[in-house]
Amino acid sequence: MIRLVAACLVGLVGAAQAEGDALPFALGGDFSLTDQSGMARTQADPEGLPQLLFFGYANCQEICSATLPLMADVADILAGGDLDLRLVMITVDPARDTVADIGPPLARIHPGFIGLTGTEAELQIAYDAFGVDREELFVDPEHGPVFAHGSMLYLLDGAGAVQTLLPPILPAGQIARIVQGYVGPAG
């Protein structure tokens, strides 16, 4: 059932794109956050690379622990075809995902991961732009706070415009083919 809903979502977005229409949703927008090296970053990639964006937290033991490696697999598949894809995670847990702490767990998943954090106000701008709600559900005695948060992957072009949404239940190969369809062959 979940795969059927995911296929319908991808089909709906793909149909709108094939017809040259605007996306059937209004998501995305300007934000300014800080990456794991302390550099300011916006929705635009500094090198103009397409981006696969996820909202989560670096030490998440729930859906993030499946979605972040999936994103890494997609990037590796596309890199094998000479297409670079920037992997970006915006934290929903800025208290623990600080500039000093967000990078190492993401680097263990993929060396190219960019982790973005900021103040509550800066992050709220990004949450609002992408329609992400977050809520602390409970505190795990071993791993700390557990959050409910968005679970979709956002494909952004190099300027930061949302191209499509991707459900993280699709296999990496299928997501890679969808991304390839939006960004085209490597230049």
C-alpha atoms as a PDB file:
ATOM      1  CA  MET A   1       0.000   0.000   0.000  1.00  0.00           C
ATOM      2  CA  ILE A   2       2.762   2.440   0.914  1.00  0.00           C
ATOM      3  CA  ARG A   3       4.587   1.739  -2.352  1.00  0.00           C
ATOM      4  CA  LEU A   4       1.338   2.368  -4.248  1.00  0.00           C
ATOM      5  CA  VAL A   5       0.887   5.753  -2.565  1.00  0.00           C
ATOM      6  CA  ALA A   6       4.533   6.576  -3.280  1.00  0.00           C
ATOM      7  CA  ALA A   7       4.140   5.584  -6.922  1.00  0.00           C
ATOM      8  CA  CYS A   8       1.026   7.767  -7.195  1.00  0.00           C
ATOM      9  CA  LEU A   9       2.869  10.746  -5.699  1.00  0.00           C
ATOM     10  CA  VAL A  10       5.818  10.310  -8.052  1.00  0.00           C
ATOM     11  CA  GLY A  11       3.404   9.829 -10.967  1.00  0.00           C
ATOM     12  CA  LEU A  12       1.449  12.974 -10.103  1.00  0.00           C
ATOM     13  CA  VAL A  13       4.584  15.088  -9.906  1.00  0.00           C
ATOM     14  CA  GLY A  14       6.038  13.472 -13.033  1.00  0.00           C
ATOM     15  CA  ALA A  15       2.840  14.083 -15.008  1.00  0.00           C
ATOM     16  CA  ALA A  16       2.837  17.758 -14.062  1.00  0.00           C
ATOM     17  CA  GLN A  17       6.473  18.049 -15.077  1.00  0.00           C
ATOM     18  CA  ALA A  18       5.935  16.188 -18.360  1.00  0.00           C
ATOM     19  CA  GLU A  19       3.189  18.649 -19.269  1.00  0.00           C
ATOM     20  CA  GLY A  20       5.441  21.593 -18.392  1.00  0.00           C
ATOM     21  CA  ASP A  21       3.093  22.690 -15.630  1.00  0.00           C
ATOM     22  CA  ALA A  22       4.141  24.024 -12.283  1.00  0.00           C
ATOM     23  CA  LEU A  23       4.593  21.475  -9.544  1.00  0.00           C
ATOM     24  CA  PRO A  24       1.320  20.483  -7.867  1.00  0.00           C
ATOM     25  CA  PHE A  25       2.633  21.858  -4.570  1.00  0.00           C
ATOM     26  CA  ALA A  26       4.346  25.012  -3.364  1.00  0.00           C
ATOM     27  CA  LEU A  27       7.452  24.011  -1.446  1.00  0.00           C
ATOM     28  CA  GLY A  28      10.901  25.427  -1.047  1.00  0.00           C
ATOM     29  CA  GLY A  29      12.336  28.845  -0.602  1.00  0.00           C
ATOM     30  CA  ASP A  30      15.169  30.855   0.787  1.00  0.00           C
ATOM     31  CA  PHE A  31      16.981  29.896   3.951  1.00  0.00           C
ATOM     32  CA  SER A  32      20.384  30.564   5.466  1.00  0.00           C
ATOM     33  CA  LEU A  33      21.930  27.978   7.793  1.00  0.00           C
ATOM     34  CA  THR A  34      25.377  26.840   8.892  1.00  0.00           C
ATOM     35  CA  ASP A  35      27.133  23.659   7.749  1.00  0.00           C
ATOM     36  CA  GLN A  36      29.368  21.353   9.776  1.00  0.00           C
ATOM     37  CA  SER A  37      32.454  23.377   8.909  1.00  0.00           C
ATOM     38  CA  GLY A  38      30.905  26.632  10.157  1.00  0.00           C
ATOM     39  CA  MET A  39      30.243  28.027   6.675  1.00  0.00           C
ATOM     40  CA  ALA A  40      26.995  29.807   5.831  1.00  0.00           C
ATOM     41  CA  ARG A  41      24.884  27.977   3.261  1.00  0.00           C
ATOM     42  CA  THR A  42      21.636  28.778   1.549  1.00  0.00           C
ATOM     43  CA  GLN A  43      19.232  26.685  -0.486  1.00  0.00           C
ATOM     44  CA  ALA A  44      21.513  27.158  -3.507  1.00  0.00           C
ATOM     45  CA  ASP A  45      24.460  24.797  -3.845  1.00  0.00           C
ATOM     46  CA  PRO A  46      27.728  26.778  -4.143  1.00  0.00           C
ATOM     47  CA  GLU A  47      28.820  24.587  -7.071  1.00  0.00           C
ATOM     48  CA  GLY A  48      25.396  24.479  -8.729  1.00  0.00           C
ATOM     49  CA  LEU A  49      24.963  20.757  -8.071  1.00  0.00           C
ATOM     50  CA  PRO A  50      21.548  19.147  -7.746  1.00  0.00           C
ATOM     51  CA  GLN A  51      20.736  18.354  -4.121  1.00  0.00           C
ATOM     52  CA  LEU A  52      18.884  15.613  -2.323  1.00  0.00           C
ATOM     53  CA  LEU A  53      17.528  17.200   0.864  1.00  0.00           C
ATOM     54  CA  PHE A  54      16.159  15.531   3.986  1.00  0.00           C
ATOM     55  CA  PHE A  55      15.009  16.929   7.322  1.00  0.00           C
ATOM     56  CA  GLY A  56      16.174  14.760  10.208  1.00  0.00           C
ATOM     57  CA  TYR A  57      18.842  14.535  12.853  1.00  0.00           C
ATOM     58  CA  ALA A  58      22.290  13.041  12.801  1.00  0.00           C
ATOM     59  CA  ASN A  59      21.847  10.696  15.758  1.00  0.00           C
ATOM     60  CA  CYS A  60      18.346   9.514  14.888  1.00  0.00           C
ATOM     61  CA  GLN A  61      17.717   5.841  15.538  1.00  0.00           C
ATOM     62  CA  GLU A  62      14.406   5.809  13.635  1.00  0.00           C
ATOM     63  CA  ILE A  63      13.613   6.638   9.982  1.00  0.00           C
ATOM     64  CA  CYS A  64      16.781   8.719   9.520  1.00  0.00           C
ATOM     65  CA  SER A  65      18.893   5.621  10.081  1.00  0.00           C
ATOM     66  CA  ALA A  66      17.292   4.116   6.963  1.00  0.00           C
ATOM     67  CA  THR A  67      16.834   7.263   4.873  1.00  0.00           C
ATOM     68  CA  LEU A  68      20.329   8.734   5.185  1.00  0.00           C
ATOM     69  CA  PRO A  69      22.064   5.538   3.938  1.00  0.00           C
ATOM     70  CA  LEU A  70      19.477   5.357   1.136  1.00  0.00           C
ATOM     71  CA  MET A  71      20.477   8.864   0.084  1.00  0.00           C
ATOM     72  CA  ALA A  72      24.144   7.796   0.126  1.00  0.00           C
ATOM     73  CA  ASP A  73      23.322   4.817  -2.098  1.00  0.00           C
ATOM     74  CA  VAL A  74      21.530   7.105  -4.570  1.00  0.00           C
ATOM     75  CA  ALA A  75      24.534   9.447  -4.702  1.00  0.00           C
ATOM     76  CA  ASP A  76      26.902   6.514  -5.253  1.00  0.00           C
ATOM     77  CA  ILE A  77      24.744   5.097  -8.062  1.00  0.00           C
ATOM     78  CA  LEU A  78      24.663   8.466  -9.797  1.00  0.00           C
ATOM     79  CA  ALA A  79      28.393   9.056  -9.252  1.00  0.00           C
ATOM     80  CA  GLY A  80      28.983   5.782 -11.105  1.00  0.00           C
ATOM     81  CA  GLY A  81      27.261   7.469 -14.050  1.00  0.00           C
ATOM     82  CA  ASP A  82      29.357  10.633 -13.632  1.00  0.00           C
ATOM     83  CA  LEU A  83      26.566  12.682 -12.071  1.00  0.00           C
ATOM     84  CA  ASP A  84      27.321  14.460  -8.807  1.00  0.00           C
ATOM     85  CA  LEU A  85      24.505  14.879  -6.327  1.00  0.00           C
ATOM     86  CA  ARG A  86      24.864  16.891  -3.133  1.00  0.00           C
ATOM     87  CA  LEU A  87      23.448  15.188  -0.038  1.00  0.00           C
ATOM     88  CA  VAL A  88      21.997  17.644   2.482  1.00  0.00           C
ATOM     89  CA  MET A  89      20.356  17.093   5.842  1.00  0.00           C
ATOM     90  CA  ILE A  90      18.738  19.960   7.749  1.00  0.00           C
ATOM     91  CA  THR A  91      18.507  19.163  11.434  1.00  0.00           C
ATOM     92  CA  VAL A  92      15.324  19.044  13.444  1.00  0.00           C
ATOM     93  CA  ASP A  93      17.430  18.736  16.616  1.00  0.00           C
ATOM     94  CA  PRO A  94      19.671  21.817  16.815  1.00  0.00           C
ATOM     95  CA  ALA A  95      20.424  21.256  20.501  1.00  0.00           C
ATOM     96  CA  ARG A  96      22.399  18.108  19.634  1.00  0.00           C
ATOM     97  CA  ASP A  97      23.185  18.772  15.958  1.00  0.00           C
ATOM     98  CA  THR A  98      25.569  21.652  16.517  1.00  0.00           C
ATOM     99  CA  VAL A  99      28.246  22.730  14.057  1.00  0.00           C
ATOM    100  CA  ALA A 100      30.767  20.602  15.998  1.00  0.00           C
ATOM    101  CA  ASP A 101      28.537  17.535  16.322  1.00  0.00           C
ATOM    102  CA  ILE A 102      26.494  17.183  13.119  1.00  0.00           C
ATOM    103  CA  GLY A 103      29.320  16.309  10.709  1.00  0.00           C
ATOM    104  CA  PRO A 104      30.902  13.114  12.087  1.00  0.00           C
ATOM    105  CA  PRO A 105      27.774  10.910  12.138  1.00  0.00           C
ATOM    106  CA  LEU A 106      26.848  12.080   8.631  1.00  0.00           C
ATOM    107  CA  ALA A 107      30.399  11.483   7.353  1.00  0.00           C
ATOM    108  CA  ARG A 108      30.181   7.884   8.588  1.00  0.00           C
ATOM    109  CA  ILE A 109      27.218   7.427   6.235  1.00  0.00           C
ATOM    110  CA  HIS A 110      28.736   9.254   3.255  1.00  0.00           C
ATOM    111  CA  PRO A 111      31.746  11.586   3.070  1.00  0.00           C
ATOM    112  CA  GLY A 112      29.851  14.053   0.898  1.00  0.00           C
ATOM    113  CA  PHE A 113      26.991  14.677   3.326  1.00  0.00           C
ATOM    114  CA  ILE A 114      26.352  18.304   4.264  1.00  0.00           C
ATOM    115  CA  GLY A 115      24.687  18.820   7.634  1.00  0.00           C
ATOM    116  CA  LEU A 116      22.924  22.119   8.191  1.00  0.00           C
ATOM    117  CA  THR A 117      22.017  23.620  11.540  1.00  0.00           C
ATOM    118  CA  GLY A 118      21.225  27.022  12.961  1.00  0.00           C
ATOM    119  CA  THR A 119      19.191  28.862  15.519  1.00  0.00           C
ATOM    120  CA  GLU A 120      15.580  27.885  16.143  1.00  0.00           C
ATOM    121  CA  ALA A 121      14.479  30.967  14.160  1.00  0.00           C
ATOM    122  CA  GLU A 122      16.779  30.215  11.199  1.00  0.00           C
ATOM    123  CA  LEU A 123      15.672  26.591  11.101  1.00  0.00           C
ATOM    124  CA  GLN A 124      11.997  27.524  11.355  1.00  0.00           C
ATOM    125  CA  ILE A 125      12.337  29.470   8.107  1.00  0.00           C
ATOM    126  CA  ALA A 126      13.517  26.277   6.374  1.00  0.00           C
ATOM    127  CA  TYR A 127      10.842  24.135   8.074  1.00  0.00           C
ATOM    128  CA  ASP A 128       8.135  26.542   6.936  1.00  0.00           C
ATOM    129  CA  ALA A 129       9.493  26.744   3.380  1.00  0.00           C
ATOM    130  CA  PHE A 130       9.433  22.965   3.002  1.00  0.00           C
ATOM    131  CA  GLY A 131       6.286  22.266   5.008  1.00  0.00           C
ATOM    132  CA  VAL A 132       8.108  20.325   7.726  1.00  0.00           C
ATOM    133  CA  ASP A 133       6.597  20.025  11.163  1.00  0.00           C
ATOM    134  CA  ARG A 134       8.718  18.730  14.008  1.00  0.00           C
ATOM    135  CA  GLU A 135       7.727  17.680  17.457  1.00  0.00           C
ATOM    136  CA  GLU A 136       9.608  16.052  20.300  1.00  0.00           C
ATOM    137  CA  LEU A 137       7.721  12.830  21.002  1.00  0.00           C
ATOM    138  CA  PHE A 138       9.619  11.467  23.988  1.00  0.00           C
ATOM    139  CA  VAL A 139      13.106  11.082  25.403  1.00  0.00           C
ATOM    140  CA  ASP A 140      14.865   7.771  24.835  1.00  0.00           C
ATOM    141  CA  PRO A 141      17.042   7.164  27.926  1.00  0.00           C
ATOM    142  CA  GLU A 142      19.897   5.912  25.752  1.00  0.00           C
ATOM    143  CA  HIS A 143      19.716   8.173  22.677  1.00  0.00           C
ATOM    144  CA  GLY A 144      17.986  11.338  23.901  1.00  0.00           C
ATOM    145  CA  PRO A 145      15.003  13.146  22.367  1.00  0.00           C
ATOM    146  CA  VAL A 146      13.053  11.422  19.598  1.00  0.00           C
ATOM    147  CA  PHE A 147      11.345  13.717  17.109  1.00  0.00           C
ATOM    148  CA  ALA A 148       8.511  13.383  14.639  1.00  0.00           C
ATOM    149  CA  HIS A 149       9.524  15.201  11.472  1.00  0.00           C
ATOM    150  CA  GLY A 150       9.110  15.194   7.725  1.00  0.00           C
ATOM    151  CA  SER A 151      10.155  12.034   5.964  1.00  0.00           C
ATOM    152  CA  MET A 152      10.184  12.999   2.284  1.00  0.00           C
ATOM    153  CA  LEU A 153      13.277  13.576   0.191  1.00  0.00           C
ATOM    154  CA  TYR A 154      13.327  16.817  -1.773  1.00  0.00           C
ATOM    155  CA  LEU A 155      15.190  16.968  -5.074  1.00  0.00           C
ATOM    156  CA  LEU A 156      16.488  20.509  -5.553  1.00  0.00           C
ATOM    157  CA  ASP A 157      18.244  21.941  -8.556  1.00  0.00           C
ATOM    158  CA  GLY A 158      21.549  23.746  -8.085  1.00  0.00           C
ATOM    159  CA  ALA A 159      19.750  27.032  -7.405  1.00  0.00           C
ATOM    160  CA  GLY A 160      17.692  25.417  -4.656  1.00  0.00           C
ATOM    161  CA  ALA A 161      14.334  25.138  -6.441  1.00  0.00           C
ATOM    162  CA  VAL A 162      12.319  22.030  -5.593  1.00  0.00           C
ATOM    163  CA  GLN A 163      12.093  19.707  -8.574  1.00  0.00           C
ATOM    164  CA  THR A 164      10.129  16.869  -6.993  1.00  0.00           C
ATOM    165  CA  LEU A 165       9.432  14.948  -3.800  1.00  0.00           C
ATOM    166  CA  LEU A 166      10.648  11.401  -3.374  1.00  0.00           C
ATOM    167  CA  PRO A 167       9.351   8.968  -0.770  1.00  0.00           C
ATOM    168  CA  PRO A 168      12.256   7.225   0.967  1.00  0.00           C
ATOM    169  CA  ILE A 169      10.553   3.853   0.624  1.00  0.00           C
ATOM    170  CA  LEU A 170      11.566   3.573  -3.026  1.00  0.00           C
ATOM    171  CA  PRO A 171      14.682   1.548  -3.824  1.00  0.00           C
ATOM    172  CA  ALA A 172      17.888   3.518  -4.386  1.00  0.00           C
ATOM    173  CA  GLY A 173      18.051   2.523  -8.044  1.00  0.00           C
ATOM    174  CA  GLN A 174      14.565   3.833  -8.712  1.00  0.00           C
ATOM    175  CA  ILE A 175      15.271   7.115  -6.932  1.00  0.00           C
ATOM    176  CA  ALA A 176      18.506   7.449  -8.931  1.00  0.00           C
ATOM    177  CA  ARG A 177      16.567   6.961 -12.205  1.00  0.00           C
ATOM    178  CA  ILE A 178      14.025   9.602 -11.165  1.00  0.00           C
ATOM    179  CA  VAL A 179      16.792  12.041 -10.224  1.00  0.00           C
ATOM    180  CA  GLN A 180      18.539  11.339 -13.541  1.00  0.00           C
ATOM    181  CA  GLY A 181      15.296  12.159 -15.342  1.00  0.00           C
ATOM    182  CA  TYR A 182      15.209  15.587 -13.722  1.00  0.00           C
ATOM    183  CA  VAL A 183      18.871  16.558 -13.918  1.00  0.00           C
ATOM    184  CA  GLY A 184      19.782  14.839 -17.185  1.00  0.00           C
ATOM    185  CA  PRO A 185      23.163  13.499 -18.193  1.00  0.00           C
ATOM    186  CA  ALA A 186      26.375  14.758 -16.673  1.00  0.00           C
ATOM    187  CA  GLY A 187      27.822  17.769 -18.405  1.00  0.00           C
END
